[in-house]
Protein backbone atom coordinates (compact mmCIF):
# COMPACT_ATOMS: atom_id res chain seq x y z
CA GLN A 1 -8.30 -4.56 8.17
CA PHE A 2 -7.46 -1.49 10.21
CA ILE A 3 -10.62 0.22 11.31
CA LYS A 4 -9.20 2.91 13.62
CA GLU A 5 -6.42 5.39 12.96
CA VAL A 6 -3.14 4.27 14.49
CA PRO A 7 -1.27 7.06 16.33
CA SER A 8 1.97 7.90 14.54
CA ASN A 9 3.97 7.19 17.72
CA LYS A 10 2.90 3.54 17.45
CA LEU A 11 4.22 3.21 13.90
CA SER A 12 7.83 2.62 12.96
CA LYS A 13 9.89 1.28 10.12
CA ILE A 14 10.24 -2.49 10.30
CA ARG A 15 13.93 -3.00 10.78
CA GLU A 16 14.24 -6.70 10.07
CA GLU A 17 15.58 -7.70 6.69
CA PRO A 18 12.67 -8.91 4.52
CA LYS A 19 14.22 -12.21 3.52
CA LYS A 20 15.17 -13.09 7.12
CA ARG A 21 11.76 -12.15 8.51
CA ILE A 22 9.48 -15.13 9.05
CA LEU A 23 5.87 -14.56 10.06
CA LYS A 24 4.19 -17.45 11.81
CA GLU A 25 0.51 -18.25 11.89
CA ASP A 26 0.41 -18.20 15.72
CA ASP A 27 2.24 -14.84 16.08
CA PRO A 28 0.05 -12.16 17.70
CA ARG A 29 -1.50 -9.66 15.32
CA ILE A 30 0.44 -6.42 15.40
CA LEU A 31 -1.67 -3.40 16.55
CA SER A 32 -4.70 -5.64 17.04
CA GLU A 33 -6.50 -2.95 19.02
CA TYR A 34 -6.84 -0.90 15.81
CA ARG A 35 -8.10 -3.76 13.62
CA ASP A 36 -11.42 -5.49 13.18
CA ASP A 37 -11.67 -8.86 14.92
CA ALA A 38 -12.70 -10.95 11.90
CA ASP A 39 -10.75 -14.12 11.33
CA PHE A 40 -10.98 -13.75 7.53
CA MET A 41 -12.17 -11.40 4.78
CA ASN A 42 -14.80 -12.42 2.28
CA MET A 43 -13.83 -10.80 -1.02
CA THR A 44 -15.42 -10.95 -4.46
CA LEU A 45 -13.15 -10.43 -7.47
CA LYS A 46 -14.95 -8.78 -10.38
CA VAL A 47 -13.22 -8.90 -13.78
CA MET A 48 -13.38 -5.44 -15.31
CA SER A 49 -11.18 -6.20 -18.35
CA VAL A 50 -9.38 -9.26 -19.68
CA ARG A 51 -6.87 -7.31 -21.77
CA PRO A 52 -5.36 -5.48 -20.02
CA ARG A 53 -6.20 -7.41 -16.88
CA ALA A 54 -8.15 -5.25 -14.46
CA TYR A 55 -10.14 -6.35 -11.42
CA GLU A 56 -12.35 -4.73 -8.82
CA ILE A 57 -12.35 -5.89 -5.20
CA LYS A 58 -14.83 -3.83 -3.20
CA ASN A 59 -13.88 -3.05 0.39
CA PHE A 60 -10.39 -4.50 -0.10
CA LEU A 61 -8.99 -1.67 1.99
CA SER A 62 -10.64 0.11 4.89
CA GLU A 63 -11.00 3.92 4.90
CA THR A 64 -8.30 4.03 7.55
CA GLU A 65 -5.91 2.08 5.30
CA ILE A 66 -6.71 4.29 2.30
CA ASP A 67 -6.10 7.43 4.31
CA HIS A 68 -2.77 6.01 5.53
CA ILE A 69 -1.61 5.18 1.99
CA ILE A 70 -2.54 8.68 0.81
CA SER A 71 -0.67 10.21 3.76
CA VAL A 72 2.42 8.11 3.01
CA ALA A 73 2.28 9.05 -0.71
CA LYS A 74 2.03 12.74 0.12
CA THR A 75 5.24 12.58 2.13
CA SER A 76 7.16 10.82 -0.65
CA ASN A 77 8.75 12.48 -3.63
CA MET A 78 6.26 11.58 -6.36
CA LYS A 79 7.30 12.60 -9.90
CA LEU A 80 5.38 13.18 -13.09
CA SER A 81 5.64 10.38 -15.65
CA MET A 82 8.27 11.00 -18.30
CA THR A 83 8.46 10.05 -21.95
CA GLY A 84 11.59 8.73 -23.60
CA THR A 85 14.49 6.85 -22.11
CA GLY A 86 14.98 8.76 -18.89
CA ASN A 87 17.94 10.81 -20.08
CA GLU A 88 18.06 14.59 -20.50
CA GLU A 89 16.32 14.34 -23.86
CA SER A 90 13.22 12.99 -22.13
CA SER A 91 10.44 15.43 -21.42
CA LYS A 92 7.30 15.71 -19.36
CA THR A 93 4.30 14.77 -21.39
CA ASN A 94 0.95 16.51 -21.54
CA THR A 95 -0.86 13.31 -22.47
CA ARG A 96 0.34 11.15 -19.59
CA THR A 97 0.07 12.94 -16.29
CA SER A 98 0.12 10.08 -13.79
CA LYS A 99 2.31 10.20 -10.70
CA ASN A 100 3.81 7.22 -8.99
CA THR A 101 5.98 6.23 -6.09
CA TRP A 102 7.16 3.02 -4.44
CA VAL A 103 6.55 2.17 -0.82
CA VAL A 104 8.47 -0.75 0.61
CA ARG A 105 6.63 -3.32 2.69
CA GLU A 106 8.80 -2.49 5.71
CA TYR A 107 7.72 1.18 5.68
CA ASP A 108 5.56 0.59 8.76
CA GLN A 109 3.18 -1.93 10.33
CA ILE A 110 0.10 -0.78 8.39
CA ILE A 111 1.80 -1.01 4.98
CA ASP A 112 3.19 -4.39 6.01
CA ALA A 113 -0.30 -5.67 6.95
CA ILE A 114 -1.76 -4.44 3.63
CA TYR A 115 1.08 -6.03 1.66
């Protein structure tokens, strides 16, 4: 987990093509000076619902990682959910007001580590 904020000048888009990129177990940890030094994470998976499947994993992300994801989301073009088929007849709904966006793994080193 990242435990300290990484300066933006240390982050960059990962340029390698995802399918050609091979991470090895003995590769050095990227930005290790901003991470905790634990060798592993002990996580407990709590089943919140079987149908639909929903789980809770406490402390899965650090506050630093959460803040980074929120920052990335704010800079993307998030859109309100739409009803219908996506054509001009579709309309914004008052009952479903979620927003969503996609962030590719190669966005930067923090998103890659979370992925």
